[in-house]
Amino acid sequence: MHFVSKTVIAICITASYEGKAHISLINLLGQEMLRNETGFIRGFNPIVLNTNGRVLENGFYHLLIRDEKGNSFLTKVIFNK
């Protein structure tokens, strides 16, 4: 994951099948700061997430990626820009 700016986040997903994923960035208060739905293909998938002008404050976040099959991936993210 790479924070391009306080309003753009770039991530990469490697998938073993094609489908759709729901991506959420959640702060430690449980508030969803960003929600995005994207399609992905088998293999390497670079994805750019735009916060639509919302400035992300420095701190800890959870990144949740959930596909249409119910699989999910959760990781902690530290944003310090």
PDB file of N, CA and C in Angstrom:
ATOM      1  N   MET A   1       0.839  -1.161   0.000  1.00  0.00           N
ATOM      2  CA  MET A   1       0.000   0.000   0.000  1.00  0.00           C
ATOM      3  C   MET A   1       0.885   1.223   0.000  1.00  0.00           C
ATOM      4  N   HIS A   2       0.438   2.247  -0.705  1.00  0.00           N
ATOM      5  CA  HIS A   2       1.217   3.469  -0.805  1.00  0.00           C
ATOM      6  C   HIS A   2       0.258   4.652  -0.752  1.00  0.00           C
ATOM      7  N   PHE A   3       0.498   5.570   0.174  1.00  0.00           N
ATOM      8  CA  PHE A   3      -0.288   6.787   0.234  1.00  0.00           C
ATOM      9  C   PHE A   3       0.350   7.795  -0.704  1.00  0.00           C
ATOM     10  N   VAL A   4      -0.350   8.135  -1.756  1.00  0.00           N
ATOM     11  CA  VAL A   4       0.162   9.082  -2.729  1.00  0.00           C
ATOM     12  C   VAL A   4       0.028  10.501  -2.172  1.00  0.00           C
ATOM     13  N   SER A   5      -1.077  10.768  -1.505  1.00  0.00           N
ATOM     14  CA  SER A   5      -1.316  12.052  -0.865  1.00  0.00           C
ATOM     15  C   SER A   5      -2.345  11.816   0.231  1.00  0.00           C
ATOM     16  N   LYS A   6      -2.800  12.880   0.863  1.00  0.00           N
ATOM     17  CA  LYS A   6      -3.812  12.717   1.910  1.00  0.00           C
ATOM     18  C   LYS A   6      -5.199  12.450   1.328  1.00  0.00           C
ATOM     19  N   THR A   7      -5.318  12.443   0.007  1.00  0.00           N
ATOM     20  CA  THR A   7      -6.608  12.169  -0.621  1.00  0.00           C
ATOM     21  C   THR A   7      -6.572  11.022  -1.622  1.00  0.00           C
ATOM     22  N   VAL A   8      -5.387  10.414  -1.847  1.00  0.00           N
ATOM     23  CA  VAL A   8      -5.259   9.308  -2.803  1.00  0.00           C
ATOM     24  C   VAL A   8      -4.427   8.192  -2.176  1.00  0.00           C
ATOM     25  N   ILE A   9      -4.922   6.955  -2.296  1.00  0.00           N
ATOM     26  CA  ILE A   9      -4.229   5.777  -1.773  1.00  0.00           C
ATOM     27  C   ILE A   9      -4.090   4.779  -2.916  1.00  0.00           C
ATOM     28  N   ALA A  10      -2.903   4.224  -3.087  1.00  0.00           N
ATOM     29  CA  ALA A  10      -2.675   3.207  -4.116  1.00  0.00           C
ATOM     30  C   ALA A  10      -2.398   1.875  -3.427  1.00  0.00           C
ATOM     31  N   ILE A  11      -3.102   0.825  -3.838  1.00  0.00           N
ATOM     32  CA  ILE A  11      -2.881  -0.515  -3.300  1.00  0.00           C
ATOM     33  C   ILE A  11      -2.748  -1.502  -4.451  1.00  0.00           C
ATOM     34  N   CYS A  12      -2.244  -2.674  -4.149  1.00  0.00           N
ATOM     35  CA  CYS A  12      -2.127  -3.743  -5.144  1.00  0.00           C
ATOM     36  C   CYS A  12      -2.759  -5.003  -4.574  1.00  0.00           C
ATOM     37  N   ILE A  13      -3.580  -5.638  -5.364  1.00  0.00           N
ATOM     38  CA  ILE A  13      -4.230  -6.887  -4.973  1.00  0.00           C
ATOM     39  C   ILE A  13      -3.780  -7.971  -5.943  1.00  0.00           C
ATOM     40  N   THR A  14      -3.367  -9.100  -5.415  1.00  0.00           N
ATOM     41  CA  THR A  14      -3.065 -10.260  -6.249  1.00  0.00           C
ATOM     42  C   THR A  14      -4.184 -11.264  -6.047  1.00  0.00           C
ATOM     43  N   ALA A  15      -4.834 -11.645  -7.134  1.00  0.00           N
ATOM     44  CA  ALA A  15      -6.002 -12.509  -7.055  1.00  0.00           C
ATOM     45  C   ALA A  15      -5.793 -13.787  -7.856  1.00  0.00           C
ATOM     46  N   SER A  16      -6.440 -14.851  -7.411  1.00  0.00           N
ATOM     47  CA  SER A  16      -6.360 -16.124  -8.124  1.00  0.00           C
ATOM     48  C   SER A  16      -7.575 -16.355  -9.024  1.00  0.00           C
ATOM     49  N   TYR A  17      -8.498 -15.386  -9.054  1.00  0.00           N
ATOM     50  CA  TYR A  17      -9.695 -15.488  -9.893  1.00  0.00           C
ATOM     51  C   TYR A  17     -10.214 -14.086 -10.178  1.00  0.00           C
ATOM     52  N   GLU A  18     -11.164 -13.968 -11.099  1.00  0.00           N
ATOM     53  CA  GLU A  18     -11.782 -12.687 -11.430  1.00  0.00           C
ATOM     54  C   GLU A  18     -12.992 -12.454 -10.553  1.00  0.00           C
ATOM     55  N   GLY A  19     -13.281 -11.186 -10.278  1.00  0.00           N
ATOM     56  CA  GLY A  19     -14.461 -10.873  -9.491  1.00  0.00           C
ATOM     57  C   GLY A  19     -14.529  -9.410  -9.126  1.00  0.00           C
ATOM     58  N   LYS A  20     -15.326  -9.131  -8.084  1.00  0.00           N
ATOM     59  CA  LYS A  20     -15.472  -7.771  -7.565  1.00  0.00           C
ATOM     60  C   LYS A  20     -15.072  -7.760  -6.101  1.00  0.00           C
ATOM     61  N   ALA A  21     -14.551  -6.614  -5.663  1.00  0.00           N
ATOM     62  CA  ALA A  21     -14.153  -6.469  -4.271  1.00  0.00           C
ATOM     63  C   ALA A  21     -14.697  -5.155  -3.717  1.00  0.00           C
ATOM     64  N   HIS A  22     -15.071  -5.187  -2.459  1.00  0.00           N
ATOM     65  CA  HIS A  22     -15.467  -3.998  -1.718  1.00  0.00           C
ATOM     66  C   HIS A  22     -14.297  -3.643  -0.811  1.00  0.00           C
ATOM     67  N   ILE A  23     -13.846  -2.400  -0.889  1.00  0.00           N
ATOM     68  CA  ILE A  23     -12.692  -1.951  -0.121  1.00  0.00           C
ATOM     69  C   ILE A  23     -13.144  -0.854   0.824  1.00  0.00           C
ATOM     70  N   SER A  24     -12.816  -1.002   2.116  1.00  0.00           N
ATOM     71  CA  SER A  24     -13.174  -0.002   3.116  1.00  0.00           C
ATOM     72  C   SER A  24     -11.947   0.390   3.915  1.00  0.00           C
ATOM     73  N   LEU A  25     -11.823   1.673   4.199  1.00  0.00           N
ATOM     74  CA  LEU A  25     -10.805   2.183   5.101  1.00  0.00           C
ATOM     75  C   LEU A  25     -11.549   2.676   6.333  1.00  0.00           C
ATOM     76  N   ILE A  26     -11.235   2.094   7.486  1.00  0.00           N
ATOM     77  CA  ILE A  26     -11.991   2.324   8.713  1.00  0.00           C
ATOM     78  C   ILE A  26     -11.060   2.880   9.779  1.00  0.00           C
ATOM     79  N   ASN A  27     -11.475   3.965  10.439  1.00  0.00           N
ATOM     80  CA  ASN A  27     -10.641   4.512  11.507  1.00  0.00           C
ATOM     81  C   ASN A  27     -10.856   3.705  12.793  1.00  0.00           C
ATOM     82  N   LEU A  28     -10.105   4.030  13.833  1.00  0.00           N
ATOM     83  CA  LEU A  28     -10.167   3.242  15.065  1.00  0.00           C
ATOM     84  C   LEU A  28     -11.457   3.450  15.849  1.00  0.00           C
ATOM     85  N   LEU A  29     -12.263   4.443  15.456  1.00  0.00           N
ATOM     86  CA  LEU A  29     -13.568   4.636  16.077  1.00  0.00           C
ATOM     87  C   LEU A  29     -14.639   3.804  15.368  1.00  0.00           C
ATOM     88  N   GLY A  30     -14.222   3.085  14.319  1.00  0.00           N
ATOM     89  CA  GLY A  30     -15.152   2.254  13.568  1.00  0.00           C
ATOM     90  C   GLY A  30     -15.863   2.995  12.456  1.00  0.00           C
ATOM     91  N   GLN A  31     -15.478   4.227  12.197  1.00  0.00           N
ATOM     92  CA  GLN A  31     -16.098   5.011  11.142  1.00  0.00           C
ATOM     93  C   GLN A  31     -15.477   4.663   9.796  1.00  0.00           C
ATOM     94  N   GLU A  32     -16.318   4.413   8.827  1.00  0.00           N
ATOM     95  CA  GLU A  32     -15.841   4.102   7.481  1.00  0.00           C
ATOM     96  C   GLU A  32     -15.449   5.407   6.793  1.00  0.00           C
ATOM     97  N   MET A  33     -14.171   5.581   6.561  1.00  0.00           N
ATOM     98  CA  MET A  33     -13.647   6.808   5.974  1.00  0.00           C
ATOM     99  C   MET A  33     -13.667   6.763   4.447  1.00  0.00           C
ATOM    100  N   LEU A  34     -13.675   5.562   3.903  1.00  0.00           N
ATOM    101  CA  LEU A  34     -13.613   5.383   2.460  1.00  0.00           C
ATOM    102  C   LEU A  34     -14.260   4.054   2.114  1.00  0.00           C
ATOM    103  N   ARG A  35     -15.057   4.063   1.053  1.00  0.00           N
ATOM    104  CA  ARG A  35     -15.653   2.819   0.548  1.00  0.00           C
ATOM    105  C   ARG A  35     -15.547   2.851  -0.967  1.00  0.00           C
ATOM    106  N   ASN A  36     -15.131   1.725  -1.519  1.00  0.00           N
ATOM    107  CA  ASN A  36     -14.946   1.646  -2.959  1.00  0.00           C
ATOM    108  C   ASN A  36     -15.267   0.232  -3.408  1.00  0.00           C
ATOM    109  N   GLU A  37     -15.851   0.110  -4.574  1.00  0.00           N
ATOM    110  CA  GLU A  37     -16.079  -1.205  -5.178  1.00  0.00           C
ATOM    111  C   GLU A  37     -15.285  -1.234  -6.472  1.00  0.00           C
ATOM    112  N   THR A  38     -14.583  -2.322  -6.691  1.00  0.00           N
ATOM    113  CA  THR A  38     -13.753  -2.421  -7.887  1.00  0.00           C
ATOM    114  C   THR A  38     -13.772  -3.840  -8.420  1.00  0.00           C
ATOM    115  N   GLY A  39     -13.577  -3.972  -9.695  1.00  0.00           N
ATOM    116  CA  GLY A  39     -13.418  -5.278 -10.296  1.00  0.00           C
ATOM    117  C   GLY A  39     -11.946  -5.651 -10.314  1.00  0.00           C
ATOM    118  N   PHE A  40     -11.674  -6.935 -10.292  1.00  0.00           N
ATOM    119  CA  PHE A  40     -10.289  -7.387 -10.374  1.00  0.00           C
ATOM    120  C   PHE A  40     -10.202  -8.596 -11.288  1.00  0.00           C
ATOM    121  N   ILE A  41      -9.025  -8.825 -11.815  1.00  0.00           N
ATOM    122  CA  ILE A  41      -8.783  -9.961 -12.689  1.00  0.00           C
ATOM    123  C   ILE A  41      -7.790 -10.897 -12.007  1.00  0.00           C
ATOM    124  N   ARG A  42      -7.623 -12.055 -12.567  1.00  0.00           N
ATOM    125  CA  ARG A  42      -6.636 -12.994 -12.033  1.00  0.00           C
ATOM    126  C   ARG A  42      -5.243 -12.404 -12.222  1.00  0.00           C
ATOM    127  N   GLY A  43      -4.474 -12.391 -11.147  1.00  0.00           N
ATOM    128  CA  GLY A  43      -3.125 -11.837 -11.205  1.00  0.00           C
ATOM    129  C   GLY A  43      -3.008 -10.557 -10.417  1.00  0.00           C
ATOM    130  N   PHE A  44      -2.118  -9.693 -10.858  1.00  0.00           N
ATOM    131  CA  PHE A  44      -1.748  -8.459 -10.182  1.00  0.00           C
ATOM    132  C   PHE A  44      -2.709  -7.336 -10.567  1.00  0.00           C
ATOM    133  N   ASN A  45      -3.272  -6.643  -9.560  1.00  0.00           N
ATOM    134  CA  ASN A  45      -4.256  -5.592  -9.802  1.00  0.00           C
ATOM    135  C   ASN A  45      -3.903  -4.320  -9.038  1.00  0.00           C
ATOM    136  N   PRO A  46      -3.300  -3.328  -9.695  1.00  0.00           N
ATOM    137  CA  PRO A  46      -3.079  -2.049  -9.023  1.00  0.00           C
ATOM    138  C   PRO A  46      -4.398  -1.277  -8.947  1.00  0.00           C
ATOM    139  N   ILE A  47      -4.688  -0.711  -7.788  1.00  0.00           N
ATOM    140  CA  ILE A  47      -5.945   0.006  -7.573  1.00  0.00           C
ATOM    141  C   ILE A  47      -5.634   1.340  -6.907  1.00  0.00           C
ATOM    142  N   VAL A  48      -6.211   2.405  -7.436  1.00  0.00           N
ATOM    143  CA  VAL A  48      -6.061   3.731  -6.848  1.00  0.00           C
ATOM    144  C   VAL A  48      -7.389   4.113  -6.202  1.00  0.00           C
ATOM    145  N   LEU A  49      -7.333   4.442  -4.915  1.00  0.00           N
ATOM    146  CA  LEU A  49      -8.520   4.841  -4.175  1.00  0.00           C
ATOM    147  C   LEU A  49      -8.473   6.346  -3.955  1.00  0.00           C
ATOM    148  N   ASN A  50      -9.551   7.030  -4.306  1.00  0.00           N
ATOM    149  CA  ASN A  50      -9.643   8.466  -4.126  1.00  0.00           C
ATOM    150  C   ASN A  50     -10.610   8.744  -2.984  1.00  0.00           C
ATOM    151  N   THR A  51     -10.224   9.618  -2.077  1.00  0.00           N
ATOM    152  CA  THR A  51     -11.073   9.919  -0.923  1.00  0.00           C
ATOM    153  C   THR A  51     -12.131  10.971  -1.245  1.00  0.00           C
ATOM    154  N   ASN A  52     -12.236  11.350  -2.517  1.00  0.00           N
ATOM    155  CA  ASN A  52     -13.211  12.348  -2.967  1.00  0.00           C
ATOM    156  C   ASN A  52     -13.095  13.653  -2.199  1.00  0.00           C
ATOM    157  N   GLY A  53     -11.862  14.085  -1.984  1.00  0.00           N
ATOM    158  CA  GLY A  53     -11.607  15.351  -1.318  1.00  0.00           C
ATOM    159  C   GLY A  53     -11.504  15.275   0.189  1.00  0.00           C
ATOM    160  N   ARG A  54     -11.915  14.167   0.770  1.00  0.00           N
ATOM    161  CA  ARG A  54     -11.826  14.016   2.227  1.00  0.00           C
ATOM    162  C   ARG A  54     -10.357  13.815   2.593  1.00  0.00           C
ATOM    163  N   VAL A  55      -9.846  14.651   3.481  1.00  0.00           N
ATOM    164  CA  VAL A  55      -8.452  14.588   3.905  1.00  0.00           C
ATOM    165  C   VAL A  55      -8.325  13.580   5.038  1.00  0.00           C
ATOM    166  N   LEU A  56      -7.426  12.628   4.883  1.00  0.00           N
ATOM    167  CA  LEU A  56      -7.189  11.632   5.929  1.00  0.00           C
ATOM    168  C   LEU A  56      -6.203  12.178   6.941  1.00  0.00           C
ATOM    169  N   GLU A  57      -6.579  12.114   8.189  1.00  0.00           N
ATOM    170  CA  GLU A  57      -5.710  12.574   9.263  1.00  0.00           C
ATOM    171  C   GLU A  57      -4.654  11.509   9.552  1.00  0.00           C
ATOM    172  N   ASN A  58      -3.524  11.928  10.093  1.00  0.00           N
ATOM    173  CA  ASN A  58      -2.504  10.979  10.520  1.00  0.00           C
ATOM    174  C   ASN A  58      -3.088  10.067  11.580  1.00  0.00           C
ATOM    175  N   GLY A  59      -2.711   8.801  11.556  1.00  0.00           N
ATOM    176  CA  GLY A  59      -3.185   7.861  12.560  1.00  0.00           C
ATOM    177  C   GLY A  59      -3.268   6.442  12.041  1.00  0.00           C
ATOM    178  N   PHE A  60      -3.946   5.601  12.817  1.00  0.00           N
ATOM    179  CA  PHE A  60      -4.118   4.184  12.499  1.00  0.00           C
ATOM    180  C   PHE A  60      -5.471   3.962  11.837  1.00  0.00           C
ATOM    181  N   TYR A  61      -5.471   3.088  10.846  1.00  0.00           N
ATOM    182  CA  TYR A  61      -6.693   2.724  10.131  1.00  0.00           C
ATOM    183  C   TYR A  61      -6.682   1.218   9.897  1.00  0.00           C
ATOM    184  N   HIS A  62      -7.852   0.670   9.594  1.00  0.00           N
ATOM    185  CA  HIS A  62      -7.970  -0.715   9.137  1.00  0.00           C
ATOM    186  C   HIS A  62      -8.393  -0.671   7.675  1.00  0.00           C
ATOM    187  N   LEU A  63      -7.743  -1.476   6.860  1.00  0.00           N
ATOM    188  CA  LEU A  63      -8.125  -1.631   5.468  1.00  0.00           C
ATOM    189  C   LEU A  63      -8.788  -2.990   5.333  1.00  0.00           C
ATOM    190  N   LEU A  64     -10.044  -2.992   4.916  1.00  0.00           N
ATOM    191  CA  LEU A  64     -10.809  -4.222   4.765  1.00  0.00           C
ATOM    192  C   LEU A  64     -11.141  -4.414   3.293  1.00  0.00           C
ATOM    193  N   ILE A  65     -10.757  -5.571   2.769  1.00  0.00           N
ATOM    194  CA  ILE A  65     -11.074  -5.934   1.393  1.00  0.00           C
ATOM    195  C   ILE A  65     -11.918  -7.200   1.445  1.00  0.00           C
ATOM    196  N   ARG A  66     -13.115  -7.130   0.861  1.00  0.00           N
ATOM    197  CA  ARG A  66     -14.039  -8.272   0.892  1.00  0.00           C
ATOM    198  C   ARG A  66     -14.508  -8.545  -0.538  1.00  0.00           C
ATOM    199  N   ASP A  67     -14.390  -9.803  -0.971  1.00  0.00           N
ATOM    200  CA  ASP A  67     -14.828 -10.118  -2.330  1.00  0.00           C
ATOM    201  C   ASP A  67     -16.259 -10.634  -2.320  1.00  0.00           C
ATOM    202  N   GLU A  68     -16.782 -10.867  -3.523  1.00  0.00           N
ATOM    203  CA  GLU A  68     -18.178 -11.286  -3.657  1.00  0.00           C
ATOM    204  C   GLU A  68     -18.423 -12.723  -3.205  1.00  0.00           C
ATOM    205  N   LYS A  69     -17.353 -13.493  -2.988  1.00  0.00           N
ATOM    206  CA  LYS A  69     -17.477 -14.860  -2.485  1.00  0.00           C
ATOM    207  C   LYS A  69     -17.483 -14.903  -0.954  1.00  0.00           C
ATOM    208  N   GLY A  70     -17.294 -13.747  -0.311  1.00  0.00           N
ATOM    209  CA  GLY A  70     -17.281 -13.691   1.144  1.00  0.00           C
ATOM    210  C   GLY A  70     -15.897 -13.763   1.758  1.00  0.00           C
ATOM    211  N   ASN A  71     -14.866 -13.901   0.935  1.00  0.00           N
ATOM    212  CA  ASN A  71     -13.494 -13.882   1.452  1.00  0.00           C
ATOM    213  C   ASN A  71     -13.149 -12.463   1.863  1.00  0.00           C
ATOM    214  N   SER A  72     -12.369 -12.322   2.924  1.00  0.00           N
ATOM    215  CA  SER A  72     -11.985 -10.981   3.352  1.00  0.00           C
ATOM    216  C   SER A  72     -10.535 -10.953   3.821  1.00  0.00           C
ATOM    217  N   PHE A  73      -9.972  -9.755   3.751  1.00  0.00           N
ATOM    218  CA  PHE A  73      -8.608  -9.504   4.190  1.00  0.00           C
ATOM    219  C   PHE A  73      -8.635  -8.209   4.976  1.00  0.00           C
ATOM    220  N   LEU A  74      -8.072  -8.225   6.181  1.00  0.00           N
ATOM    221  CA  LEU A  74      -8.044  -7.047   7.035  1.00  0.00           C
ATOM    222  C   LEU A  74      -6.610  -6.801   7.464  1.00  0.00           C
ATOM    223  N   THR A  75      -6.175  -5.557   7.324  1.00  0.00           N
ATOM    224  CA  THR A  75      -4.818  -5.209   7.740  1.00  0.00           C
ATOM    225  C   THR A  75      -4.837  -3.835   8.399  1.00  0.00           C
ATOM    226  N   LYS A  76      -3.881  -3.613   9.283  1.00  0.00           N
ATOM    227  CA  LYS A  76      -3.750  -2.305   9.926  1.00  0.00           C
ATOM    228  C   LYS A  76      -2.868  -1.420   9.056  1.00  0.00           C
ATOM    229  N   VAL A  77      -3.209  -0.148   9.016  1.00  0.00           N
ATOM    230  CA  VAL A  77      -2.490   0.818   8.216  1.00  0.00           C
ATOM    231  C   VAL A  77      -2.143   2.012   9.105  1.00  0.00           C
ATOM    232  N   ILE A  78      -0.923   2.490   8.997  1.00  0.00           N
ATOM    233  CA  ILE A  78      -0.524   3.701   9.700  1.00  0.00           C
ATOM    234  C   ILE A  78      -0.328   4.789   8.661  1.00  0.00           C
ATOM    235  N   PHE A  79      -1.039   5.888   8.829  1.00  0.00           N
ATOM    236  CA  PHE A  79      -0.911   7.010   7.908  1.00  0.00           C
ATOM    237  C   PHE A  79      -0.200   8.145   8.622  1.00  0.00           C
ATOM    238  N   ASN A  80       0.957   8.536   8.110  1.00  0.00           N
ATOM    239  CA  ASN A  80       1.742   9.614   8.696  1.00  0.00           C
ATOM    240  C   ASN A  80       2.363  10.404   7.557  1.00  0.00           C
ATOM    241  N   LYS A  81       1.714  11.431   7.119  1.00  0.00           N
ATOM    242  CA  LYS A  81       2.169  12.201   5.961  1.00  0.00           C
ATOM    243  C   LYS A  81       2.535  13.604   6.373  1.00  0.00           C
TER     244      LYS A  81
END
